PDB file of N, CA and C in Angstrom:
ATOM      1  N   MET A   1     -46.943 -45.120 214.759  1.00  0.00           N
ATOM      2  CA  MET A   1     -48.231 -45.753 214.617  1.00  0.00           C
ATOM      3  C   MET A   1     -48.260 -47.094 215.350  1.00  0.00           C
ATOM      4  N   VAL A   2     -47.228 -47.890 215.173  1.00  0.00           N
ATOM      5  CA  VAL A   2     -47.172 -49.206 215.825  1.00  0.00           C
ATOM      6  C   VAL A   2     -47.118 -49.029 217.339  1.00  0.00           C
ATOM      7  N   GLU A   3     -46.297 -48.095 217.793  1.00  0.00           N
ATOM      8  CA  GLU A   3     -46.187 -47.844 219.234  1.00  0.00           C
ATOM      9  C   GLU A   3     -47.538 -47.420 219.814  1.00  0.00           C
ATOM     10  N   GLY A   4     -48.259 -46.565 219.102  1.00  0.00           N
ATOM     11  CA  GLY A   4     -49.570 -46.119 219.555  1.00  0.00           C
ATOM     12  C   GLY A   4     -50.562 -47.266 219.660  1.00  0.00           C
ATOM     13  N   TYR A   5     -50.509 -48.179 218.707  1.00  0.00           N
ATOM     14  CA  TYR A   5     -51.396 -49.349 218.722  1.00  0.00           C
ATOM     15  C   TYR A   5     -51.182 -50.166 219.989  1.00  0.00           C
ATOM     16  N   PHE A   6     -49.934 -50.456 220.307  1.00  0.00           N
ATOM     17  CA  PHE A   6     -49.649 -51.275 221.485  1.00  0.00           C
ATOM     18  C   PHE A   6     -49.908 -50.509 222.784  1.00  0.00           C
ATOM     19  N   THR A   7     -49.717 -49.200 222.770  1.00  0.00           N
ATOM     20  CA  THR A   7     -50.032 -48.393 223.948  1.00  0.00           C
ATOM     21  C   THR A   7     -51.530 -48.445 224.231  1.00  0.00           C
ATOM     22  N   GLU A   8     -52.336 -48.309 223.187  1.00  0.00           N
ATOM     23  CA  GLU A   8     -53.785 -48.387 223.368  1.00  0.00           C
ATOM     24  C   GLU A   8     -54.212 -49.765 223.848  1.00  0.00           C
ATOM     25  N   LEU A   9     -53.603 -50.812 223.307  1.00  0.00           N
ATOM     26  CA  LEU A   9     -53.930 -52.160 223.771  1.00  0.00           C
ATOM     27  C   LEU A   9     -53.576 -52.336 225.238  1.00  0.00           C
ATOM     28  N   ALA A  10     -52.494 -51.733 225.680  1.00  0.00           N
ATOM     29  CA  ALA A  10     -52.109 -51.840 227.094  1.00  0.00           C
ATOM     30  C   ALA A  10     -53.214 -51.275 227.988  1.00  0.00           C
ATOM     31  N   PHE A  11     -53.826 -50.172 227.578  1.00  0.00           N
ATOM     32  CA  PHE A  11     -54.930 -49.609 228.355  1.00  0.00           C
ATOM     33  C   PHE A  11     -56.133 -50.563 228.361  1.00  0.00           C
ATOM     34  N   VAL A  12     -56.417 -51.182 227.219  1.00  0.00           N
ATOM     35  CA  VAL A  12     -57.515 -52.153 227.139  1.00  0.00           C
ATOM     36  C   VAL A  12     -57.234 -53.335 228.063  1.00  0.00           C
ATOM     37  N   PHE A  13     -56.032 -53.876 227.992  1.00  0.00           N
ATOM     38  CA  PHE A  13     -55.682 -55.024 228.826  1.00  0.00           C
ATOM     39  C   PHE A  13     -55.714 -54.668 230.309  1.00  0.00           C
ATOM     40  N   ALA A  14     -55.293 -53.458 230.651  1.00  0.00           N
ATOM     41  CA  ALA A  14     -55.320 -53.024 232.056  1.00  0.00           C
ATOM     42  C   ALA A  14     -56.756 -52.971 232.569  1.00  0.00           C
ATOM     43  N   GLU A  15     -57.670 -52.514 231.738  1.00  0.00           N
ATOM     44  CA  GLU A  15     -59.077 -52.457 232.153  1.00  0.00           C
ATOM     45  C   GLU A  15     -59.662 -53.862 232.277  1.00  0.00           C
ATOM     46  N   ILE A  16     -59.305 -54.740 231.362  1.00  0.00           N
ATOM     47  CA  ILE A  16     -59.757 -56.134 231.470  1.00  0.00           C
ATOM     48  C   ILE A  16     -59.218 -56.739 232.772  1.00  0.00           C
ATOM     49  N   PHE A  17     -57.955 -56.495 233.060  1.00  0.00           N
ATOM     50  CA  PHE A  17     -57.340 -57.012 234.283  1.00  0.00           C
ATOM     51  C   PHE A  17     -58.073 -56.471 235.514  1.00  0.00           C
ATOM     52  N   ARG A  18     -58.387 -55.193 235.501  1.00  0.00           N
ATOM     53  CA  ARG A  18     -59.050 -54.554 236.634  1.00  0.00           C
ATOM     54  C   ARG A  18     -60.442 -55.127 236.886  1.00  0.00           C
ATOM     55  N   THR A  19     -61.141 -55.476 235.822  1.00  0.00           N
ATOM     56  CA  THR A  19     -62.544 -55.872 235.954  1.00  0.00           C
ATOM     57  C   THR A  19     -62.787 -57.375 235.999  1.00  0.00           C
ATOM     58  N   CYS A  20     -61.805 -58.186 235.671  1.00  0.00           N
ATOM     59  CA  CYS A  20     -62.081 -59.626 235.639  1.00  0.00           C
ATOM     60  C   CYS A  20     -61.871 -60.254 237.017  1.00  0.00           C
ATOM     61  N   LYS A  21     -62.575 -61.348 237.250  1.00  0.00           N
ATOM     62  CA  LYS A  21     -62.483 -62.069 238.515  1.00  0.00           C
ATOM     63  C   LYS A  21     -61.194 -62.873 238.565  1.00  0.00           C
ATOM     64  N   SER A  22     -60.825 -63.266 239.760  1.00  0.00           N
ATOM     65  CA  SER A  22     -59.629 -64.079 239.945  1.00  0.00           C
ATOM     66  C   SER A  22     -59.746 -65.390 239.163  1.00  0.00           C
ATOM     67  N   SER A  23     -58.666 -65.785 238.546  1.00  0.00           N
ATOM     68  CA  SER A  23     -58.567 -67.019 237.750  1.00  0.00           C
ATOM     69  C   SER A  23     -59.405 -66.995 236.479  1.00  0.00           C
ATOM     70  N   SER A  24     -59.806 -65.820 236.037  1.00  0.00           N
ATOM     71  CA  SER A  24     -60.580 -65.717 234.797  1.00  0.00           C
ATOM     72  C   SER A  24     -59.681 -65.983 233.595  1.00  0.00           C
ATOM     73  N   PRO A  25     -60.150 -66.815 232.665  1.00  0.00           N
ATOM     74  CA  PRO A  25     -59.385 -66.996 231.426  1.00  0.00           C
ATOM     75  C   PRO A  25     -59.690 -65.849 230.456  1.00  0.00           C
ATOM     76  N   ILE A  26     -58.684 -65.422 229.725  1.00  0.00           N
ATOM     77  CA  ILE A  26     -58.824 -64.373 228.729  1.00  0.00           C
ATOM     78  C   ILE A  26     -58.301 -64.932 227.408  1.00  0.00           C
ATOM     79  N   ALA A  27     -59.074 -64.797 226.349  1.00  0.00           N
ATOM     80  CA  ALA A  27     -58.636 -65.213 225.018  1.00  0.00           C
ATOM     81  C   ALA A  27     -58.569 -63.980 224.130  1.00  0.00           C
ATOM     82  N   PHE A  28     -57.456 -63.839 223.431  1.00  0.00           N
ATOM     83  CA  PHE A  28     -57.256 -62.686 222.552  1.00  0.00           C
ATOM     84  C   PHE A  28     -56.851 -63.227 221.190  1.00  0.00           C
ATOM     85  N   VAL A  29     -57.639 -62.891 220.170  1.00  0.00           N
ATOM     86  CA  VAL A  29     -57.373 -63.360 218.807  1.00  0.00           C
ATOM     87  C   VAL A  29     -56.730 -62.223 218.027  1.00  0.00           C
ATOM     88  N   ASN A  30     -55.636 -62.522 217.334  1.00  0.00           N
ATOM     89  CA  ASN A  30     -54.989 -61.476 216.553  1.00  0.00           C
ATOM     90  C   ASN A  30     -54.239 -62.053 215.361  1.00  0.00           C
ATOM     91  N   ASP A  31     -53.935 -61.163 214.456  1.00  0.00           N
ATOM     92  CA  ASP A  31     -53.086 -61.480 213.306  1.00  0.00           C
ATOM     93  C   ASP A  31     -51.769 -60.751 213.496  1.00  0.00           C
ATOM     94  N   ASN A  32     -50.700 -61.395 213.157  1.00  0.00           N
ATOM     95  CA  ASN A  32     -49.448 -60.660 213.075  1.00  0.00           C
ATOM     96  C   ASN A  32     -49.530 -59.792 211.824  1.00  0.00           C
ATOM     97  N   VAL A  33     -48.751 -58.739 211.786  1.00  0.00           N
ATOM     98  CA  VAL A  33     -48.836 -57.784 210.676  1.00  0.00           C
ATOM     99  C   VAL A  33     -47.444 -57.474 210.151  1.00  0.00           C
ATOM    100  N   ARG A  34     -47.442 -56.829 209.023  1.00  0.00           N
ATOM    101  CA  ARG A  34     -46.190 -56.339 208.449  1.00  0.00           C
ATOM    102  C   ARG A  34     -46.337 -54.841 208.274  1.00  0.00           C
ATOM    103  N   TYR A  35     -45.382 -54.096 208.772  1.00  0.00           N
ATOM    104  CA  TYR A  35     -45.437 -52.641 208.690  1.00  0.00           C
ATOM    105  C   TYR A  35     -44.075 -52.143 208.243  1.00  0.00           C
ATOM    106  N   GLY A  36     -44.041 -51.410 207.150  1.00  0.00           N
ATOM    107  CA  GLY A  36     -42.773 -50.910 206.628  1.00  0.00           C
ATOM    108  C   GLY A  36     -41.805 -52.031 206.283  1.00  0.00           C
ATOM    109  N   GLY A  37     -42.354 -53.185 205.899  1.00  0.00           N
ATOM    110  CA  GLY A  37     -41.518 -54.327 205.535  1.00  0.00           C
ATOM    111  C   GLY A  37     -41.137 -55.216 206.704  1.00  0.00           C
ATOM    112  N   GLU A  38     -41.358 -54.753 207.928  1.00  0.00           N
ATOM    113  CA  GLU A  38     -40.996 -55.533 209.119  1.00  0.00           C
ATOM    114  C   GLU A  38     -42.202 -56.305 209.634  1.00  0.00           C
ATOM    115  N   ILE A  39     -41.991 -57.575 209.950  1.00  0.00           N
ATOM    116  CA  ILE A  39     -43.058 -58.380 210.532  1.00  0.00           C
ATOM    117  C   ILE A  39     -43.142 -58.051 212.019  1.00  0.00           C
ATOM    118  N   ILE A  40     -44.352 -57.736 212.476  1.00  0.00           N
ATOM    119  CA  ILE A  40     -44.600 -57.400 213.873  1.00  0.00           C
ATOM    120  C   ILE A  40     -45.282 -58.603 214.525  1.00  0.00           C
ATOM    121  N   PRO A  41     -44.620 -59.263 215.497  1.00  0.00           N
ATOM    122  CA  PRO A  41     -45.221 -60.430 216.153  1.00  0.00           C
ATOM    123  C   PRO A  41     -46.239 -59.996 217.213  1.00  0.00           C
ATOM    124  N   VAL A  42     -47.412 -59.604 216.759  1.00  0.00           N
ATOM    125  CA  VAL A  42     -48.440 -59.045 217.633  1.00  0.00           C
ATOM    126  C   VAL A  42     -48.785 -60.009 218.766  1.00  0.00           C
ATOM    127  N   ASP A  43     -48.894 -61.295 218.462  1.00  0.00           N
ATOM    128  CA  ASP A  43     -49.269 -62.264 219.486  1.00  0.00           C
ATOM    129  C   ASP A  43     -48.249 -62.307 220.636  1.00  0.00           C
ATOM    130  N   LEU A  44     -46.987 -62.285 220.311  1.00  0.00           N
ATOM    131  CA  LEU A  44     -45.957 -62.347 221.346  1.00  0.00           C
ATOM    132  C   LEU A  44     -45.842 -61.024 222.106  1.00  0.00           C
ATOM    133  N   LEU A  45     -45.934 -59.920 221.389  1.00  0.00           N
ATOM    134  CA  LEU A  45     -45.838 -58.609 222.046  1.00  0.00           C
ATOM    135  C   LEU A  45     -47.026 -58.352 222.970  1.00  0.00           C
ATOM    136  N   THR A  46     -48.232 -58.714 222.531  1.00  0.00           N
ATOM    137  CA  THR A  46     -49.400 -58.503 223.404  1.00  0.00           C
ATOM    138  C   THR A  46     -49.343 -59.420 224.620  1.00  0.00           C
ATOM    139  N   THR A  47     -48.808 -60.618 224.453  1.00  0.00           N
ATOM    140  CA  THR A  47     -48.652 -61.514 225.604  1.00  0.00           C
ATOM    141  C   THR A  47     -47.650 -60.932 226.595  1.00  0.00           C
ATOM    142  N   ASP A  48     -46.574 -60.338 226.106  1.00  0.00           N
ATOM    143  CA  ASP A  48     -45.610 -59.671 226.996  1.00  0.00           C
ATOM    144  C   ASP A  48     -46.266 -58.507 227.741  1.00  0.00           C
ATOM    145  N   ILE A  49     -47.082 -57.729 227.038  1.00  0.00           N
ATOM    146  CA  ILE A  49     -47.776 -56.609 227.683  1.00  0.00           C
ATOM    147  C   ILE A  49     -48.722 -57.129 228.755  1.00  0.00           C
ATOM    148  N   ALA A  50     -49.491 -58.159 228.410  1.00  0.00           N
ATOM    149  CA  ALA A  50     -50.435 -58.730 229.374  1.00  0.00           C
ATOM    150  C   ALA A  50     -49.705 -59.255 230.615  1.00  0.00           C
ATOM    151  N   ALA A  51     -48.590 -59.918 230.405  1.00  0.00           N
ATOM    152  CA  ALA A  51     -47.815 -60.442 231.537  1.00  0.00           C
ATOM    153  C   ALA A  51     -47.290 -59.308 232.409  1.00  0.00           C
ATOM    154  N   SER A  52     -46.866 -58.210 231.787  1.00  0.00           N
ATOM    155  CA  SER A  52     -46.345 -57.086 232.567  1.00  0.00           C
ATOM    156  C   SER A  52     -47.441 -56.432 233.416  1.00  0.00           C
ATOM    157  N   LEU A  53     -48.698 -56.619 233.015  1.00  0.00           N
ATOM    158  CA  LEU A  53     -49.828 -56.083 233.780  1.00  0.00           C
ATOM    159  C   LEU A  53     -50.306 -57.034 234.858  1.00  0.00           C
ATOM    160  N   GLY A  54     -49.788 -58.263 234.852  1.00  0.00           N
ATOM    161  CA  GLY A  54     -50.158 -59.223 235.888  1.00  0.00           C
ATOM    162  C   GLY A  54     -50.858 -60.476 235.409  1.00  0.00           C
ATOM    163  N   PHE A  55     -51.237 -60.528 234.126  1.00  0.00           N
ATOM    164  CA  PHE A  55     -51.847 -61.755 233.605  1.00  0.00           C
ATOM    165  C   PHE A  55     -50.816 -62.881 233.572  1.00  0.00           C
ATOM    166  N   ILE A  56     -51.298 -64.093 233.669  1.00  0.00           N
ATOM    167  CA  ILE A  56     -50.433 -65.266 233.577  1.00  0.00           C
ATOM    168  C   ILE A  56     -50.621 -65.863 232.183  1.00  0.00           C
ATOM    169  N   PRO A  57     -49.599 -65.788 231.330  1.00  0.00           N
ATOM    170  CA  PRO A  57     -49.725 -66.382 229.990  1.00  0.00           C
ATOM    171  C   PRO A  57     -49.824 -67.904 230.102  1.00  0.00           C
ATOM    172  N   GLU A  58     -50.778 -68.478 229.382  1.00  0.00           N
ATOM    173  CA  GLU A  58     -50.951 -69.927 229.424  1.00  0.00           C
ATOM    174  C   GLU A  58     -50.604 -70.611 228.118  1.00  0.00           C
ATOM    175  N   LYS A  59     -51.037 -70.021 227.003  1.00  0.00           N
ATOM    176  CA  LYS A  59     -50.841 -70.719 225.730  1.00  0.00           C
ATOM    177  C   LYS A  59     -51.003 -69.745 224.574  1.00  0.00           C
ATOM    178  N   VAL A  60     -50.257 -69.990 223.513  1.00  0.00           N
ATOM    179  CA  VAL A  60     -50.462 -69.286 222.253  1.00  0.00           C
ATOM    180  C   VAL A  60     -50.775 -70.356 221.209  1.00  0.00           C
ATOM    181  N   TYR A  61     -51.993 -70.340 220.711  1.00  0.00           N
ATOM    182  CA  TYR A  61     -52.403 -71.272 219.671  1.00  0.00           C
ATOM    183  C   TYR A  61     -52.182 -70.598 218.322  1.00  0.00           C
ATOM    184  N   VAL A  62     -51.421 -71.243 217.463  1.00  0.00           N
ATOM    185  CA  VAL A  62     -51.222 -70.732 216.109  1.00  0.00           C
ATOM    186  C   VAL A  62     -52.222 -71.445 215.213  1.00  0.00           C
ATOM    187  N   LEU A  63     -53.063 -70.675 214.552  1.00  0.00           N
ATOM    188  CA  LEU A  63     -54.096 -71.253 213.701  1.00  0.00           C
ATOM    189  C   LEU A  63     -53.497 -71.688 212.369  1.00  0.00           C
ATOM    190  N   PRO A  64     -54.045 -72.744 211.766  1.00  0.00           N
ATOM    191  CA  PRO A  64     -53.472 -73.261 210.526  1.00  0.00           C
ATOM    192  C   PRO A  64     -53.569 -72.300 209.354  1.00  0.00           C
ATOM    193  N   GLN A  65     -54.523 -71.400 209.391  1.00  0.00           N
ATOM    194  CA  GLN A  65     -54.660 -70.417 208.316  1.00  0.00           C
ATOM    195  C   GLN A  65     -53.464 -69.468 208.363  1.00  0.00           C
ATOM    196  N   ARG A  66     -52.787 -69.301 207.244  1.00  0.00           N
ATOM    197  CA  ARG A  66     -51.654 -68.369 207.169  1.00  0.00           C
ATOM    198  C   ARG A  66     -52.051 -67.233 206.245  1.00  0.00           C
ATOM    199  N   LYS A  67     -52.334 -66.088 206.822  1.00  0.00           N
ATOM    200  CA  LYS A  67     -52.761 -64.957 205.998  1.00  0.00           C
ATOM    201  C   LYS A  67     -51.551 -64.266 205.400  1.00  0.00           C
ATOM    202  N   GLY A  68     -51.772 -63.597 204.298  1.00  0.00           N
ATOM    203  CA  GLY A  68     -50.705 -62.822 203.686  1.00  0.00           C
ATOM    204  C   GLY A  68     -50.696 -61.405 204.231  1.00  0.00           C
ATOM    205  N   ASN A  69     -49.614 -60.716 204.011  1.00  0.00           N
ATOM    206  CA  ASN A  69     -49.560 -59.329 204.420  1.00  0.00           C
ATOM    207  C   ASN A  69     -50.421 -58.481 203.485  1.00  0.00           C
ATOM    208  N   SER A  70     -50.611 -57.223 203.811  1.00  0.00           N
ATOM    209  CA  SER A  70     -51.498 -56.354 203.033  1.00  0.00           C
ATOM    210  C   SER A  70     -50.978 -56.177 201.604  1.00  0.00           C
ATOM    211  N   SER A  71     -51.884 -55.809 200.721  1.00  0.00           N
ATOM    212  CA  SER A  71     -51.498 -55.623 199.319  1.00  0.00           C
ATOM    213  C   SER A  71     -50.452 -54.519 199.174  1.00  0.00           C
ATOM    214  N   GLN A  72     -50.533 -53.479 200.014  1.00  0.00           N
ATOM    215  CA  GLN A  72     -49.539 -52.413 199.953  1.00  0.00           C
ATOM    216  C   GLN A  72     -48.149 -52.955 200.321  1.00  0.00           C
ATOM    217  N   GLN A  73     -48.095 -53.813 201.321  1.00  0.00           N
ATOM    218  CA  GLN A  73     -46.824 -54.394 201.740  1.00  0.00           C
ATOM    219  C   GLN A  73     -46.313 -55.394 200.694  1.00  0.00           C
ATOM    220  N   MET A  74     -47.233 -56.178 200.107  1.00  0.00           N
ATOM    221  CA  MET A  74     -46.824 -57.182 199.118  1.00  0.00           C
ATOM    222  C   MET A  74     -46.214 -56.527 197.887  1.00  0.00           C
ATOM    223  N   SER A  75     -46.818 -55.425 197.432  1.00  0.00           N
ATOM    224  CA  SER A  75     -46.299 -54.801 196.223  1.00  0.00           C
ATOM    225  C   SER A  75     -44.891 -54.253 196.433  1.00  0.00           C
ATOM    226  N   ARG A  76     -44.586 -53.864 197.639  1.00  0.00           N
ATOM    227  CA  ARG A  76     -43.269 -53.276 197.900  1.00  0.00           C
ATOM    228  C   ARG A  76     -42.250 -54.286 198.418  1.00  0.00           C
ATOM    229  N   PHE A  77     -42.701 -55.229 199.283  1.00  0.00           N
ATOM    230  CA  PHE A  77     -41.764 -56.124 199.956  1.00  0.00           C
ATOM    231  C   PHE A  77     -41.970 -57.598 199.631  1.00  0.00           C
ATOM    232  N   GLY A  78     -42.975 -57.928 198.805  1.00  0.00           N
ATOM    233  CA  GLY A  78     -43.253 -59.329 198.490  1.00  0.00           C
ATOM    234  C   GLY A  78     -44.233 -59.932 199.481  1.00  0.00           C
ATOM    235  N   ARG A  79     -44.746 -61.111 199.107  1.00  0.00           N
ATOM    236  CA  ARG A  79     -45.728 -61.770 199.967  1.00  0.00           C
ATOM    237  C   ARG A  79     -45.016 -62.644 200.979  1.00  0.00           C
ATOM    238  N   GLU A  80     -45.469 -62.565 202.206  1.00  0.00           N
ATOM    239  CA  GLU A  80     -44.963 -63.445 203.255  1.00  0.00           C
ATOM    240  C   GLU A  80     -46.138 -63.834 204.140  1.00  0.00           C
ATOM    241  N   ALA A  81     -46.283 -65.132 204.373  1.00  0.00           N
ATOM    242  CA  ALA A  81     -47.388 -65.614 205.196  1.00  0.00           C
ATOM    243  C   ALA A  81     -47.173 -65.167 206.640  1.00  0.00           C
ATOM    244  N   LEU A  82     -48.253 -64.684 207.251  1.00  0.00           N
ATOM    245  CA  LEU A  82     -48.208 -64.237 208.635  1.00  0.00           C
ATOM    246  C   LEU A  82     -49.152 -65.093 209.463  1.00  0.00           C
ATOM    247  N   ARG A  83     -48.772 -65.352 210.701  1.00  0.00           N
ATOM    248  CA  ARG A  83     -49.607 -66.235 211.504  1.00  0.00           C
ATOM    249  C   ARG A  83     -50.766 -65.478 212.161  1.00  0.00           C
ATOM    250  N   LYS A  84     -51.813 -66.239 212.391  1.00  0.00           N
ATOM    251  CA  LYS A  84     -52.971 -65.776 213.151  1.00  0.00           C
ATOM    252  C   LYS A  84     -52.981 -66.617 214.414  1.00  0.00           C
ATOM    253  N   SER A  85     -53.202 -65.977 215.554  1.00  0.00           N
ATOM    254  CA  SER A  85     -53.070 -66.689 216.820  1.00  0.00           C
ATOM    255  C   SER A  85     -54.229 -66.405 217.762  1.00  0.00           C
ATOM    256  N   ILE A  86     -54.402 -67.329 218.688  1.00  0.00           N
ATOM    257  CA  ILE A  86     -55.265 -67.126 219.837  1.00  0.00           C
ATOM    258  C   ILE A  86     -54.357 -67.242 221.055  1.00  0.00           C
ATOM    259  N   THR A  87     -54.291 -66.179 221.832  1.00  0.00           N
ATOM    260  CA  THR A  87     -53.471 -66.209 223.039  1.00  0.00           C
ATOM    261  C   THR A  87     -54.396 -66.364 224.239  1.00  0.00           C
ATOM    262  N   ILE A  88     -53.988 -67.198 225.175  1.00  0.00           N
ATOM    263  CA  ILE A  88     -54.767 -67.460 226.377  1.00  0.00           C
ATOM    264  C   ILE A  88     -53.956 -66.985 227.581  1.00  0.00           C
ATOM    265  N   TRP A  89     -54.583 -66.142 228.390  1.00  0.00           N
ATOM    266  CA  TRP A  89     -53.985 -65.668 229.638  1.00  0.00           C
ATOM    267  C   TRP A  89     -54.976 -65.944 230.758  1.00  0.00           C
ATOM    268  N   ARG A  90     -54.508 -65.867 231.966  1.00  0.00           N
ATOM    269  CA  ARG A  90     -55.371 -66.040 233.131  1.00  0.00           C
ATOM    270  C   ARG A  90     -55.072 -64.935 234.129  1.00  0.00           C
ATOM    271  N   SER A  91     -56.119 -64.445 234.769  1.00  0.00           N
ATOM    272  CA  SER A  91     -55.886 -63.453 235.820  1.00  0.00           C
ATOM    273  C   SER A  91     -55.440 -64.206 237.085  1.00  0.00           C
ATOM    274  N   PRO A  92     -54.620 -63.559 237.906  1.00  0.00           N
ATOM    275  CA  PRO A  92     -54.139 -64.256 239.118  1.00  0.00           C
ATOM    276  C   PRO A  92     -55.243 -64.442 240.157  1.00  0.00           C
TER     277      PRO A  92
END
């Protein structure tokens, strides 16, 4: 499931890359998640995917709000604050 999510995002990012003008800024807002007890650093992984497609990573802003993991994850693995981020990339 996690692999499929990132594969689909790669297609979205590739289309954004294909259609945006040179030097266009791209902002992507996301929450990190917990799946099967493991924290998935969505912000860092999506930035790596974007960079592999040709985007230039500029900044990852971590928002002060710290969300908790889902209730299903909390009941099994406990509560852990997860970061919410805004990632900024630029097209070449």
